Amino acid sequence: MKLDVLAIGAHPDDIDLSCGGTVIKLTRQGYKVGLVDITQGELGTRGSADIRAKEADTARVILGAVVRDNLRIPDGNIENSPANRLKLIRLIRRYRPDVLLIPHHTDRHPDHEHAHVLCRESWFFAGLQRILTEDTGVSQEPWRPRAYYHFMQWFEFDPSFIVDVTEEYEQRMEAVRAFRSQFFDPESNERSTILSTPEFLEMLRARLENYGDRIGKKYGEPFYSPAPVEVRDLVALNS
């Protein structure tokens, strides 16, 4: 199955928290979008790998993505090893996306930074003919997406562009709330985390509102491009 966009996160809920509105916008525009969680989030303080897997699939349906894979690389140990690169290269070659959405290279969580390196190097090596991979016993052709863009997690950066997600906001927050195990629950006996504080979802709303304000919209999701972004219609820009 050929995809237009493949979004990759270190843990279940990373994509949903960071660029879920953009995924929804893309699917509403008719693009085929797939999601990849690198780990099962098994080291997370709250929930479990099984719970988070069910939550991730519920969120996938809400986002409108056609597929959500999990590489099952150990949580807390996202090594940029040849074996791990091959796992991601196989998926890139299977889905042949034109664009990747990946974590930024600087973040509070080491897994997010390590995931960035794994994604960036897999993006490059997926295009090399002499790196051989198979998918269900069939040899794969090389494929390198034409672009990749970083989404924002804990640390902020100066965005290259901001996607208006005003119309997608309520649906993207529904996808976020699908990860019930991770957020505030007054009846939970599990240890509290930053995500599970009552203020976290309000902080997330405020951030989206801040970036939306920068482009004259209610809500926005910021992205960084390591390469210049082409503008094909100057008059339509910021219209």
Protein backbone atom coordinates (compact mmCIF):
# COMPACT_ATOMS: atom_id res chain seq x y z
CA MET A 1 0.00 0.00 0.00
CA LYS A 2 1.40 3.34 -1.09
CA LEU A 3 1.12 6.11 1.51
CA ASP A 4 1.45 9.84 1.05
CA VAL A 5 2.72 10.57 4.57
CA LEU A 6 4.25 8.42 7.30
CA ALA A 7 4.41 9.87 10.83
CA ILE A 8 6.87 8.25 13.25
CA GLY A 9 7.00 8.65 17.04
CA ALA A 10 9.05 7.11 19.80
CA HIS A 11 6.06 6.09 21.94
CA PRO A 12 2.34 5.50 21.47
CA ASP A 13 0.70 8.95 21.86
CA ASP A 14 3.75 10.97 20.68
CA ILE A 15 2.31 11.49 17.19
CA ASP A 16 -1.16 12.18 18.54
CA LEU A 17 0.08 14.80 21.01
CA SER A 18 2.42 16.51 18.54
CA CYS A 19 0.88 16.45 15.06
CA GLY A 20 -2.50 14.75 15.32
CA GLY A 21 -4.29 17.76 13.86
CA THR A 22 -2.04 17.71 10.82
CA VAL A 23 -2.71 14.00 10.33
CA ILE A 24 -6.46 14.67 10.44
CA LYS A 25 -6.14 17.58 7.99
CA LEU A 26 -4.18 15.39 5.58
CA THR A 27 -6.68 12.54 5.74
CA ARG A 28 -9.57 14.99 5.22
CA GLN A 29 -7.75 16.25 2.13
CA GLY A 30 -7.75 12.71 0.76
CA TYR A 31 -4.15 11.74 1.54
CA LYS A 32 -3.26 8.32 2.87
CA VAL A 33 -1.41 8.61 6.17
CA GLY A 34 0.27 5.89 8.22
CA LEU A 35 1.62 5.96 11.77
CA VAL A 36 4.60 4.16 13.31
CA ASP A 37 5.30 3.86 17.05
CA ILE A 38 8.91 2.81 17.58
CA THR A 39 8.38 1.36 21.07
CA GLN A 40 5.41 0.00 23.01
CA GLY A 41 5.96 2.54 25.80
CA GLU A 42 6.46 -0.31 28.23
CA LEU A 43 8.64 1.76 30.57
CA GLY A 44 5.90 4.34 31.02
CA THR A 45 4.84 5.03 34.59
CA ARG A 46 1.15 4.63 33.81
CA GLY A 47 -0.73 2.01 31.86
CA SER A 48 0.94 -0.96 30.16
CA ALA A 49 2.09 -2.00 26.70
CA ASP A 50 -1.20 -3.84 26.08
CA ILE A 51 -3.33 -0.93 27.27
CA ARG A 52 -1.37 1.58 25.22
CA ALA A 53 -1.63 -0.63 22.11
CA LYS A 54 -5.43 -0.62 22.37
CA GLU A 55 -5.45 3.12 23.00
CA ALA A 56 -3.17 3.68 19.98
CA ASP A 57 -5.52 1.81 17.67
CA THR A 58 -8.52 3.75 18.97
CA ALA A 59 -6.61 6.99 18.29
CA ARG A 60 -5.66 5.79 14.80
CA VAL A 61 -9.30 5.43 13.87
CA ILE A 62 -10.08 8.91 15.21
CA LEU A 63 -7.16 10.42 13.27
CA GLY A 64 -8.22 8.66 10.07
CA ALA A 65 -4.85 6.97 9.50
CA VAL A 66 -5.00 3.82 7.39
CA VAL A 67 -2.40 1.88 9.37
CA ARG A 68 -0.49 2.03 12.67
CA ASP A 69 2.58 -0.16 13.12
CA ASN A 70 4.81 -0.74 16.13
CA LEU A 71 8.48 -1.62 15.67
CA ARG A 72 8.71 -3.07 19.22
CA ILE A 73 12.15 -1.61 19.77
CA PRO A 74 12.82 -1.55 23.54
CA ASP A 75 11.47 1.51 25.32
CA GLY A 76 14.34 3.52 26.81
CA ASN A 77 16.81 1.90 24.42
CA ILE A 78 16.20 3.23 20.92
CA GLU A 79 19.58 2.35 19.47
CA ASN A 80 20.60 3.58 16.05
CA SER A 81 21.80 0.09 15.19
CA PRO A 82 21.84 -1.63 11.77
CA ALA A 83 19.11 -4.02 12.96
CA ASN A 84 16.84 -1.19 14.11
CA ARG A 85 17.45 0.81 10.96
CA LEU A 86 16.45 -2.20 8.86
CA LYS A 87 13.16 -2.44 10.76
CA LEU A 88 12.28 1.12 9.85
CA ILE A 89 13.72 0.90 6.33
CA ARG A 90 11.40 -2.06 5.63
CA LEU A 91 8.38 0.03 6.58
CA ILE A 92 9.54 3.02 4.54
CA ARG A 93 10.02 0.77 1.53
CA ARG A 94 6.72 -1.03 2.16
CA TYR A 95 4.65 2.15 2.27
CA ARG A 96 6.77 4.37 -0.01
CA PRO A 97 5.62 7.66 1.54
CA ASP A 98 6.46 10.98 -0.06
CA VAL A 99 6.86 12.72 3.30
CA LEU A 100 7.94 11.68 6.79
CA LEU A 101 6.91 13.45 10.01
CA ILE A 102 9.53 12.72 12.69
CA PRO A 103 10.61 13.93 16.16
CA HIS A 104 12.83 17.00 16.49
CA HIS A 105 16.49 16.37 17.26
CA THR A 106 16.48 18.18 20.63
CA ASP A 107 14.04 17.25 23.36
CA ARG A 108 13.62 16.56 27.07
CA HIS A 109 13.13 12.81 26.57
CA PRO A 110 16.24 10.94 25.34
CA ASP A 111 14.03 8.50 23.40
CA HIS A 112 12.72 11.39 21.30
CA GLU A 113 16.23 12.50 20.39
CA HIS A 114 17.33 8.94 19.64
CA ALA A 115 14.19 8.39 17.57
CA HIS A 116 15.08 11.44 15.48
CA VAL A 117 18.49 10.01 14.62
CA LEU A 118 17.03 6.60 13.81
CA CYS A 119 14.38 8.18 11.56
CA ARG A 120 16.78 10.51 9.77
CA GLU A 121 19.34 7.82 9.03
CA SER A 122 16.69 5.30 8.00
CA TRP A 123 15.23 7.92 5.65
CA PHE A 124 18.60 8.22 3.93
CA PHE A 125 19.61 4.56 3.90
CA ALA A 126 16.19 3.45 2.61
CA GLY A 127 17.20 4.99 -0.71
CA LEU A 128 20.40 2.97 -1.09
CA GLN A 129 20.08 0.08 -3.53
CA ARG A 130 22.81 -2.01 -1.91
CA ILE A 131 21.04 -2.16 1.45
CA LEU A 132 18.91 -5.24 0.88
CA THR A 133 15.59 -5.87 2.61
CA GLU A 134 12.66 -8.23 2.18
CA ASP A 135 9.01 -7.87 3.10
CA THR A 136 7.04 -11.13 3.49
CA GLY A 137 9.77 -12.89 1.53
CA VAL A 138 9.77 -10.44 -1.38
CA SER A 139 12.79 -8.24 -2.16
CA GLN A 140 12.10 -4.54 -1.71
CA GLU A 141 13.08 -1.71 -4.01
CA PRO A 142 14.91 1.30 -2.53
CA TRP A 143 12.77 4.31 -1.63
CA ARG A 144 13.66 7.64 -0.09
CA PRO A 145 10.82 10.05 0.78
CA ARG A 146 11.36 13.43 -0.85
CA ALA A 147 11.13 15.33 2.46
CA TYR A 148 10.93 14.96 6.22
CA TYR A 149 9.69 17.49 8.75
CA HIS A 150 10.21 17.62 12.52
CA PHE A 151 7.22 17.90 14.84
CA MET A 152 7.46 19.62 18.23
CA GLN A 153 7.33 17.72 21.53
CA TRP A 154 8.52 19.12 24.87
CA PHE A 155 11.18 21.62 23.77
CA GLU A 156 10.20 24.45 21.44
CA PHE A 157 11.99 25.54 18.25
CA ASP A 158 11.50 28.28 15.69
CA PRO A 159 9.14 26.65 13.19
CA SER A 160 9.72 26.64 9.45
CA PHE A 161 5.96 26.51 8.97
CA ILE A 162 2.79 26.13 11.02
CA VAL A 163 -0.23 24.06 9.99
CA ASP A 164 -3.65 25.54 10.77
CA VAL A 165 -5.51 22.86 12.76
CA THR A 166 -8.40 25.00 13.97
CA GLU A 167 -11.07 22.88 12.27
CA GLU A 168 -9.30 19.70 13.37
CA TYR A 169 -8.75 20.73 16.99
CA GLU A 170 -11.66 18.95 18.68
CA GLN A 171 -11.02 15.72 16.77
CA ARG A 172 -7.29 15.80 17.47
CA MET A 173 -7.99 16.26 21.18
CA GLU A 174 -10.39 13.32 21.05
CA ALA A 175 -7.50 11.25 19.68
CA VAL A 176 -5.25 12.49 22.49
CA ARG A 177 -7.86 11.61 25.11
CA ALA A 178 -8.01 8.09 23.68
CA PHE A 179 -4.81 7.50 25.68
CA ARG A 180 -6.82 7.53 28.91
CA SER A 181 -4.16 5.70 30.90
CA GLN A 182 -1.72 8.58 30.46
CA PHE A 183 -3.82 11.55 31.56
CA PHE A 184 -5.50 12.87 34.67
CA ASP A 185 -7.79 10.40 36.40
CA PRO A 186 -8.76 11.23 39.99
CA GLU A 187 -9.61 7.56 40.59
CA SER A 188 -6.22 6.23 39.47
CA ASN A 189 -3.77 4.91 42.05
CA GLU A 190 -0.83 5.03 39.63
CA ARG A 191 2.05 7.41 40.18
CA SER A 192 1.54 10.89 38.75
CA THR A 193 3.51 12.13 35.74
CA ILE A 194 3.74 15.41 33.86
CA LEU A 195 1.09 14.18 31.43
CA SER A 196 -1.29 13.07 34.18
CA THR A 197 -1.47 16.43 35.97
CA PRO A 198 -4.81 18.24 35.64
CA GLU A 199 -3.00 21.13 33.92
CA PHE A 200 -1.33 19.19 31.10
CA LEU A 201 -4.12 19.19 28.52
CA GLU A 202 -4.72 22.88 29.17
CA MET A 203 -1.01 23.50 28.57
CA LEU A 204 -1.29 21.61 25.29
CA ARG A 205 -4.29 23.73 24.26
CA ALA A 206 -2.39 26.91 25.12
CA ARG A 207 0.59 25.86 23.01
CA LEU A 208 -1.60 25.10 20.00
CA GLU A 209 -3.33 28.45 20.50
CA ASN A 210 0.04 30.23 20.68
CA TYR A 211 1.22 28.81 17.37
CA GLY A 212 -2.18 29.38 15.83
CA ASP A 213 -1.96 33.03 16.82
CA ARG A 214 1.33 33.35 14.94
CA ILE A 215 -0.48 32.61 11.68
CA GLY A 216 -3.70 34.41 12.53
CA LYS A 217 -5.62 31.23 13.32
CA LYS A 218 -7.12 29.74 16.46
CA TYR A 219 -4.86 26.66 16.66
CA GLY A 220 -1.65 25.64 14.90
CA GLU A 221 0.92 22.84 14.90
CA PRO A 222 4.57 23.86 14.32
CA PHE A 223 7.09 22.00 12.15
CA TYR A 224 10.76 22.41 11.32
CA SER A 225 12.18 21.70 7.88
CA PRO A 226 15.93 21.03 7.57
CA ALA A 227 15.74 22.11 3.91
CA PRO A 228 14.12 25.21 2.37
CA VAL A 229 10.41 24.81 1.68
CA GLU A 230 9.33 25.61 -1.88
CA VAL A 231 6.58 28.21 -2.38
CA ARG A 232 4.60 27.70 -5.58
CA ASP A 233 2.03 30.48 -5.14
CA LEU A 234 3.30 33.63 -3.37
CA VAL A 235 -0.07 35.36 -3.52
CA ALA A 236 -1.88 32.41 -1.88
CA LEU A 237 0.72 32.26 0.91
CA ASN A 238 -0.83 33.15 4.28
CA SER A 239 -4.20 33.74 2.62
